[in-house]
């Protein structure tokens, strides 16, 4: 749906809109702890799929792993 740069722009806009500069330190900590718990739950549930997606996104067209694994002629 979104390209990589489009996603980053959307994420930045959402973060800017979601952060409230008037939060108390206690409110900020509550949100931080909630988001950490949410991230942990997401990771626990989707670990393998997320790892596969991250690996896929990190691959580039200039990935030379097939050359590195080729038998050496020397």
PDB file of N, CA and C in Angstrom:
ATOM      1  N   UNK A   1       0.816  -1.184   0.000  1.00  0.00           N
ATOM      2  CA  UNK A   1       0.000   0.000   0.000  1.00  0.00           C
ATOM      3  C   UNK A   1       0.868   1.259   0.000  1.00  0.00           C
ATOM      4  N   UNK A   2       1.778   1.363   0.958  1.00  0.00           N
ATOM      5  CA  UNK A   2       2.700   2.491   1.006  1.00  0.00           C
ATOM      6  C   UNK A   2       4.081   2.004   0.634  1.00  0.00           C
ATOM      7  N   UNK A   3       4.820   2.813  -0.107  1.00  0.00           N
ATOM      8  CA  UNK A   3       6.222   2.517  -0.335  1.00  0.00           C
ATOM      9  C   UNK A   3       6.987   2.761   0.955  1.00  0.00           C
ATOM     10  N   UNK A   4       8.235   2.366   0.968  1.00  0.00           N
ATOM     11  CA  UNK A   4       9.058   2.510   2.179  1.00  0.00           C
ATOM     12  C   UNK A   4       9.126   3.972   2.635  1.00  0.00           C
ATOM     13  N   UNK A   5       9.355   4.892   1.714  1.00  0.00           N
ATOM     14  CA  UNK A   5       9.439   6.303   2.101  1.00  0.00           C
ATOM     15  C   UNK A   5       8.067   6.857   2.456  1.00  0.00           C
ATOM     16  N   UNK A   6       7.025   6.393   1.796  1.00  0.00           N
ATOM     17  CA  UNK A   6       5.667   6.825   2.125  1.00  0.00           C
ATOM     18  C   UNK A   6       5.259   6.379   3.510  1.00  0.00           C
ATOM     19  N   UNK A   7       5.658   5.174   3.877  1.00  0.00           N
ATOM     20  CA  UNK A   7       5.380   4.658   5.213  1.00  0.00           C
ATOM     21  C   UNK A   7       6.099   5.496   6.263  1.00  0.00           C
ATOM     22  N   UNK A   8       7.341   5.842   6.016  1.00  0.00           N
ATOM     23  CA  UNK A   8       8.108   6.650   6.974  1.00  0.00           C
ATOM     24  C   UNK A   8       7.456   8.011   7.179  1.00  0.00           C
ATOM     25  N   UNK A   9       7.001   8.617   6.129  1.00  0.00           N
ATOM     26  CA  UNK A   9       6.340   9.918   6.225  1.00  0.00           C
ATOM     27  C   UNK A   9       5.046   9.792   7.016  1.00  0.00           C
ATOM     28  N   UNK A  10       4.266   8.774   6.716  1.00  0.00           N
ATOM     29  CA  UNK A  10       3.017   8.548   7.434  1.00  0.00           C
ATOM     30  C   UNK A  10       3.287   8.288   8.912  1.00  0.00           C
ATOM     31  N   UNK A  11       4.281   7.464   9.200  1.00  0.00           N
ATOM     32  CA  UNK A  11       4.638   7.152  10.580  1.00  0.00           C
ATOM     33  C   UNK A  11       5.044   8.420  11.326  1.00  0.00           C
ATOM     34  N   UNK A  12       5.859   9.256  10.724  1.00  0.00           N
ATOM     35  CA  UNK A  12       6.297  10.500  11.364  1.00  0.00           C
ATOM     36  C   UNK A  12       5.120  11.431  11.645  1.00  0.00           C
ATOM     37  N   UNK A  13       4.192  11.517  10.693  1.00  0.00           N
ATOM     38  CA  UNK A  13       3.019  12.375  10.898  1.00  0.00           C
ATOM     39  C   UNK A  13       2.139  11.845  12.018  1.00  0.00           C
ATOM     40  N   UNK A  14       1.935  10.527  12.060  1.00  0.00           N
ATOM     41  CA  UNK A  14       1.124   9.937  13.117  1.00  0.00           C
ATOM     42  C   UNK A  14       1.767  10.121  14.481  1.00  0.00           C
ATOM     43  N   UNK A  15       3.071   9.933  14.542  1.00  0.00           N
ATOM     44  CA  UNK A  15       3.776  10.118  15.816  1.00  0.00           C
ATOM     45  C   UNK A  15       3.676  11.562  16.296  1.00  0.00           C
ATOM     46  N   UNK A  16       3.847  12.488  15.398  1.00  0.00           N
ATOM     47  CA  UNK A  16       3.769  13.896  15.773  1.00  0.00           C
ATOM     48  C   UNK A  16       2.371  14.242  16.277  1.00  0.00           C
ATOM     49  N   UNK A  17       1.345  13.672  15.668  1.00  0.00           N
ATOM     50  CA  UNK A  17      -0.029  13.950  16.079  1.00  0.00           C
ATOM     51  C   UNK A  17      -0.374  13.249  17.392  1.00  0.00           C
ATOM     52  N   UNK A  18       0.233  12.083  17.648  1.00  0.00           N
ATOM     53  CA  UNK A  18      -0.103  11.290  18.823  1.00  0.00           C
ATOM     54  C   UNK A  18       0.589  11.768  20.088  1.00  0.00           C
ATOM     55  N   UNK A  19       1.752  12.373  19.959  1.00  0.00           N
ATOM     56  CA  UNK A  19       2.485  12.803  21.149  1.00  0.00           C
ATOM     57  C   UNK A  19       1.891  14.107  21.678  1.00  0.00           C
ATOM     58  N   UNK A  20       1.582  14.088  22.956  1.00  0.00           N
ATOM     59  CA  UNK A  20       0.984  15.260  23.583  1.00  0.00           C
ATOM     60  C   UNK A  20       2.020  15.942  24.465  1.00  0.00           C
ATOM     61  N   UNK A  21       2.421  17.138  24.125  1.00  0.00           N
ATOM     62  CA  UNK A  21       3.451  17.810  24.920  1.00  0.00           C
ATOM     63  C   UNK A  21       2.995  18.167  26.330  1.00  0.00           C
ATOM     64  N   UNK A  22       1.703  18.011  26.607  1.00  0.00           N
ATOM     65  CA  UNK A  22       1.187  18.344  27.926  1.00  0.00           C
ATOM     66  C   UNK A  22       1.068  17.137  28.857  1.00  0.00           C
ATOM     67  N   UNK A  23       1.513  15.959  28.388  1.00  0.00           N
ATOM     68  CA  UNK A  23       1.469  14.779  29.253  1.00  0.00           C
ATOM     69  C   UNK A  23       2.356  14.999  30.473  1.00  0.00           C
ATOM     70  N   UNK A  24       1.904  14.474  31.591  1.00  0.00           N
ATOM     71  CA  UNK A  24       2.738  14.475  32.790  1.00  0.00           C
ATOM     72  C   UNK A  24       3.773  13.371  32.635  1.00  0.00           C
ATOM     73  N   UNK A  25       4.826  13.397  33.443  1.00  0.00           N
ATOM     74  CA  UNK A  25       5.784  12.287  33.394  1.00  0.00           C
ATOM     75  C   UNK A  25       5.117  10.937  33.657  1.00  0.00           C
ATOM     76  N   UNK A  26       4.141  10.900  34.525  1.00  0.00           N
ATOM     77  CA  UNK A  26       3.440   9.649  34.818  1.00  0.00           C
ATOM     78  C   UNK A  26       2.645   9.162  33.608  1.00  0.00           C
ATOM     79  N   UNK A  27       1.991  10.061  32.916  1.00  0.00           N
ATOM     80  CA  UNK A  27       1.254   9.694  31.707  1.00  0.00           C
ATOM     81  C   UNK A  27       2.206   9.209  30.621  1.00  0.00           C
ATOM     82  N   UNK A  28       3.309   9.909  30.485  1.00  0.00           N
ATOM     83  CA  UNK A  28       4.307   9.519  29.485  1.00  0.00           C
ATOM     84  C   UNK A  28       4.840   8.125  29.771  1.00  0.00           C
ATOM     85  N   UNK A  29       5.134   7.836  31.039  1.00  0.00           N
ATOM     86  CA  UNK A  29       5.618   6.510  31.411  1.00  0.00           C
ATOM     87  C   UNK A  29       4.564   5.443  31.150  1.00  0.00           C
ATOM     88  N   UNK A  30       3.306   5.742  31.446  1.00  0.00           N
ATOM     89  CA  UNK A  30       2.229   4.775  31.197  1.00  0.00           C
ATOM     90  C   UNK A  30       2.127   4.436  29.709  1.00  0.00           C
ATOM     91  N   UNK A  31       2.203   5.449  28.865  1.00  0.00           N
ATOM     92  CA  UNK A  31       2.151   5.215  27.414  1.00  0.00           C
ATOM     93  C   UNK A  31       3.368   4.414  26.967  1.00  0.00           C
ATOM     94  N   UNK A  32       4.543   4.778  27.470  1.00  0.00           N
ATOM     95  CA  UNK A  32       5.777   4.078  27.121  1.00  0.00           C
ATOM     96  C   UNK A  32       5.683   2.603  27.512  1.00  0.00           C
ATOM     97  N   UNK A  33       5.227   2.321  28.727  1.00  0.00           N
ATOM     98  CA  UNK A  33       5.111   0.932  29.189  1.00  0.00           C
ATOM     99  C   UNK A  33       4.076   0.168  28.371  1.00  0.00           C
ATOM    100  N   UNK A  34       2.956   0.814  28.047  1.00  0.00           N
ATOM    101  CA  UNK A  34       1.943   0.173  27.216  1.00  0.00           C
ATOM    102  C   UNK A  34       2.506  -0.192  25.846  1.00  0.00           C
ATOM    103  N   UNK A  35       3.214   0.744  25.239  1.00  0.00           N
ATOM    104  CA  UNK A  35       3.776   0.479  23.908  1.00  0.00           C
ATOM    105  C   UNK A  35       4.834  -0.622  23.957  1.00  0.00           C
ATOM    106  N   UNK A  36       5.628  -0.647  25.017  1.00  0.00           N
ATOM    107  CA  UNK A  36       6.599  -1.741  25.179  1.00  0.00           C
ATOM    108  C   UNK A  36       5.891  -3.080  25.296  1.00  0.00           C
ATOM    109  N   UNK A  37       4.844  -3.135  26.112  1.00  0.00           N
ATOM    110  CA  UNK A  37       4.074  -4.372  26.264  1.00  0.00           C
ATOM    111  C   UNK A  37       3.433  -4.782  24.939  1.00  0.00           C
ATOM    112  N   UNK A  38       2.920  -3.812  24.214  1.00  0.00           N
ATOM    113  CA  UNK A  38       2.315  -4.093  22.918  1.00  0.00           C
ATOM    114  C   UNK A  38       3.355  -4.637  21.940  1.00  0.00           C
ATOM    115  N   UNK A  39       4.523  -4.008  21.896  1.00  0.00           N
ATOM    116  CA  UNK A  39       5.598  -4.477  21.008  1.00  0.00           C
ATOM    117  C   UNK A  39       6.021  -5.901  21.382  1.00  0.00           C
ATOM    118  N   UNK A  40       6.140  -6.182  22.675  1.00  0.00           N
ATOM    119  CA  UNK A  40       6.498  -7.530  23.120  1.00  0.00           C
ATOM    120  C   UNK A  40       5.446  -8.551  22.693  1.00  0.00           C
ATOM    121  N   UNK A  41       4.174  -8.192  22.828  1.00  0.00           N
ATOM    122  CA  UNK A  41       3.092  -9.098  22.440  1.00  0.00           C
ATOM    123  C   UNK A  41       3.088  -9.346  20.937  1.00  0.00           C
ATOM    124  N   UNK A  42       3.287  -8.284  20.172  1.00  0.00           N
ATOM    125  CA  UNK A  42       3.338  -8.431  18.708  1.00  0.00           C
ATOM    126  C   UNK A  42       4.502  -9.329  18.325  1.00  0.00           C
ATOM    127  N   UNK A  43       5.674  -9.096  18.933  1.00  0.00           N
ATOM    128  CA  UNK A  43       6.843  -9.904  18.614  1.00  0.00           C
ATOM    129  C   UNK A  43       6.605 -11.367  18.975  1.00  0.00           C
ATOM    130  N   UNK A  44       6.004 -11.612  20.139  1.00  0.00           N
ATOM    131  CA  UNK A  44       5.742 -12.992  20.568  1.00  0.00           C
ATOM    132  C   UNK A  44       4.809 -13.708  19.597  1.00  0.00           C
ATOM    133  N   UNK A  45       3.845 -13.003  19.092  1.00  0.00           N
ATOM    134  CA  UNK A  45       2.853 -13.622  18.219  1.00  0.00           C
ATOM    135  C   UNK A  45       3.350 -13.779  16.780  1.00  0.00           C
ATOM    136  N   UNK A  46       4.099 -12.806  16.281  1.00  0.00           N
ATOM    137  CA  UNK A  46       4.484 -12.768  14.863  1.00  0.00           C
ATOM    138  C   UNK A  46       5.985 -12.901  14.631  1.00  0.00           C
ATOM    139  N   UNK A  47       6.712 -13.389  15.606  1.00  0.00           N
ATOM    140  CA  UNK A  47       8.175 -13.412  15.567  1.00  0.00           C
ATOM    141  C   UNK A  47       8.745 -13.888  14.230  1.00  0.00           C
ATOM    142  N   UNK A  48       8.387 -15.083  13.833  1.00  0.00           N
ATOM    143  CA  UNK A  48       8.966 -15.664  12.617  1.00  0.00           C
ATOM    144  C   UNK A  48       8.590 -14.849  11.385  1.00  0.00           C
ATOM    145  N   UNK A  49       7.331 -14.472  11.286  1.00  0.00           N
ATOM    146  CA  UNK A  49       6.897 -13.696  10.120  1.00  0.00           C
ATOM    147  C   UNK A  49       7.583 -12.334  10.077  1.00  0.00           C
ATOM    148  N   UNK A  50       7.755 -11.711  11.238  1.00  0.00           N
ATOM    149  CA  UNK A  50       8.448 -10.419  11.271  1.00  0.00           C
ATOM    150  C   UNK A  50       9.913 -10.566  10.873  1.00  0.00           C
ATOM    151  N   UNK A  51      10.566 -11.620  11.369  1.00  0.00           N
ATOM    152  CA  UNK A  51      11.971 -11.840  10.999  1.00  0.00           C
ATOM    153  C   UNK A  51      12.102 -12.042   9.503  1.00  0.00           C
ATOM    154  N   UNK A  52      11.197 -12.819   8.915  1.00  0.00           N
ATOM    155  CA  UNK A  52      11.240 -13.044   7.473  1.00  0.00           C
ATOM    156  C   UNK A  52      11.040 -11.737   6.715  1.00  0.00           C
ATOM    157  N   UNK A  53      10.085 -10.925   7.159  1.00  0.00           N
ATOM    158  CA  UNK A  53       9.823  -9.652   6.488  1.00  0.00           C
ATOM    159  C   UNK A  53      11.011  -8.704   6.611  1.00  0.00           C
ATOM    160  N   UNK A  54      11.606  -8.639   7.795  1.00  0.00           N
ATOM    161  CA  UNK A  54      12.773  -7.776   7.996  1.00  0.00           C
ATOM    162  C   UNK A  54      13.918  -8.217   7.085  1.00  0.00           C
ATOM    163  N   UNK A  55      14.161  -9.518   7.015  1.00  0.00           N
ATOM    164  CA  UNK A  55      15.223 -10.024   6.137  1.00  0.00           C
ATOM    165  C   UNK A  55      14.927  -9.685   4.689  1.00  0.00           C
ATOM    166  N   UNK A  56      13.685  -9.837   4.277  1.00  0.00           N
ATOM    167  CA  UNK A  56      13.303  -9.527   2.898  1.00  0.00           C
ATOM    168  C   UNK A  56      13.517  -8.050   2.595  1.00  0.00           C
ATOM    169  N   UNK A  57      13.164  -7.184   3.532  1.00  0.00           N
ATOM    170  CA  UNK A  57      13.318  -5.742   3.315  1.00  0.00           C
ATOM    171  C   UNK A  57      14.777  -5.321   3.313  1.00  0.00           C
ATOM    172  N   UNK A  58      15.629  -6.069   4.014  1.00  0.00           N
ATOM    173  CA  UNK A  58      17.046  -5.713   4.071  1.00  0.00           C
ATOM    174  C   UNK A  58      17.809  -6.198   2.853  1.00  0.00           C
ATOM    175  N   UNK A  59      17.232  -7.133   2.113  1.00  0.00           N
ATOM    176  CA  UNK A  59      17.884  -7.583   0.889  1.00  0.00           C
ATOM    177  C   UNK A  59      17.827  -6.478  -0.140  1.00  0.00           C
ATOM    178  N   UNK A  60      18.891  -6.350  -0.883  1.00  0.00           N
ATOM    179  CA  UNK A  60      18.929  -5.326  -1.924  1.00  0.00           C
ATOM    180  C   UNK A  60      19.218  -5.992  -3.252  1.00  0.00           C
ATOM    181  N   UNK A  61      18.966  -5.287  -4.349  1.00  0.00           N
ATOM    182  CA  UNK A  61      19.278  -5.864  -5.656  1.00  0.00           C
ATOM    183  C   UNK A  61      20.774  -6.149  -5.825  1.00  0.00           C
ATOM    184  N   UNK A  62      21.607  -5.541  -4.995  1.00  0.00           N
ATOM    185  CA  UNK A  62      23.047  -5.775  -5.102  1.00  0.00           C
ATOM    186  C   UNK A  62      23.521  -6.826  -4.097  1.00  0.00           C
ATOM    187  N   UNK A  63      22.594  -7.664  -3.631  1.00  0.00           N
ATOM    188  CA  UNK A  63      22.948  -8.733  -2.703  1.00  0.00           C
ATOM    189  C   UNK A  63      23.820  -9.744  -3.450  1.00  0.00           C
ATOM    190  N   UNK A  64      25.050  -9.928  -2.996  1.00  0.00           N
ATOM    191  CA  UNK A  64      25.995 -10.813  -3.667  1.00  0.00           C
ATOM    192  C   UNK A  64      26.231 -12.100  -2.886  1.00  0.00           C
ATOM    193  N   UNK A  65      25.256 -12.510  -2.073  1.00  0.00           N
ATOM    194  CA  UNK A  65      25.430 -13.713  -1.266  1.00  0.00           C
ATOM    195  C   UNK A  65      25.637 -14.950  -2.131  1.00  0.00           C
ATOM    196  N   UNK A  66      25.039 -14.974  -3.328  1.00  0.00           N
ATOM    197  CA  UNK A  66      25.246 -16.129  -4.209  1.00  0.00           C
ATOM    198  C   UNK A  66      26.687 -16.187  -4.698  1.00  0.00           C
ATOM    199  N   UNK A  67      27.334 -15.043  -4.875  1.00  0.00           N
ATOM    200  CA  UNK A  67      28.740 -15.010  -5.292  1.00  0.00           C
ATOM    201  C   UNK A  67      29.633 -15.443  -4.135  1.00  0.00           C
ATOM    202  N   UNK A  68      29.317 -14.979  -2.938  1.00  0.00           N
ATOM    203  CA  UNK A  68      30.111 -15.329  -1.758  1.00  0.00           C
ATOM    204  C   UNK A  68      30.053 -16.826  -1.464  1.00  0.00           C
ATOM    205  N   UNK A  69      28.955 -17.467  -1.831  1.00  0.00           N
ATOM    206  CA  UNK A  69      28.796 -18.897  -1.543  1.00  0.00           C
ATOM    207  C   UNK A  69      29.243 -19.777  -2.709  1.00  0.00           C
ATOM    208  N   UNK A  70      29.669 -19.152  -3.786  1.00  0.00           N
ATOM    209  CA  UNK A  70      30.106 -19.935  -4.954  1.00  0.00           C
ATOM    210  C   UNK A  70      31.461 -20.582  -4.662  1.00  0.00           C
ATOM    211  N   UNK A  71      31.695 -21.783  -5.233  1.00  0.00           N
ATOM    212  CA  UNK A  71      32.996 -22.428  -5.021  1.00  0.00           C
ATOM    213  C   UNK A  71      34.117 -21.582  -5.601  1.00  0.00           C
ATOM    214  N   UNK A  72      35.193 -21.538  -4.895  1.00  0.00           N
ATOM    215  CA  UNK A  72      36.342 -20.748  -5.341  1.00  0.00           C
ATOM    216  C   UNK A  72      37.125 -21.529  -6.382  1.00  0.00           C
ATOM    217  N   UNK A  73      37.617 -20.818  -7.401  1.00  0.00           N
ATOM    218  CA  UNK A  73      38.418 -21.469  -8.428  1.00  0.00           C
ATOM    219  C   UNK A  73      39.898 -21.401  -8.099  1.00  0.00           C
ATOM    220  N   UNK A  74      40.244 -20.816  -6.962  1.00  0.00           N
ATOM    221  CA  UNK A  74      41.647 -20.699  -6.590  1.00  0.00           C
ATOM    222  C   UNK A  74      42.086 -21.843  -5.753  1.00  0.00           C
TER     223      UNK A  74
END
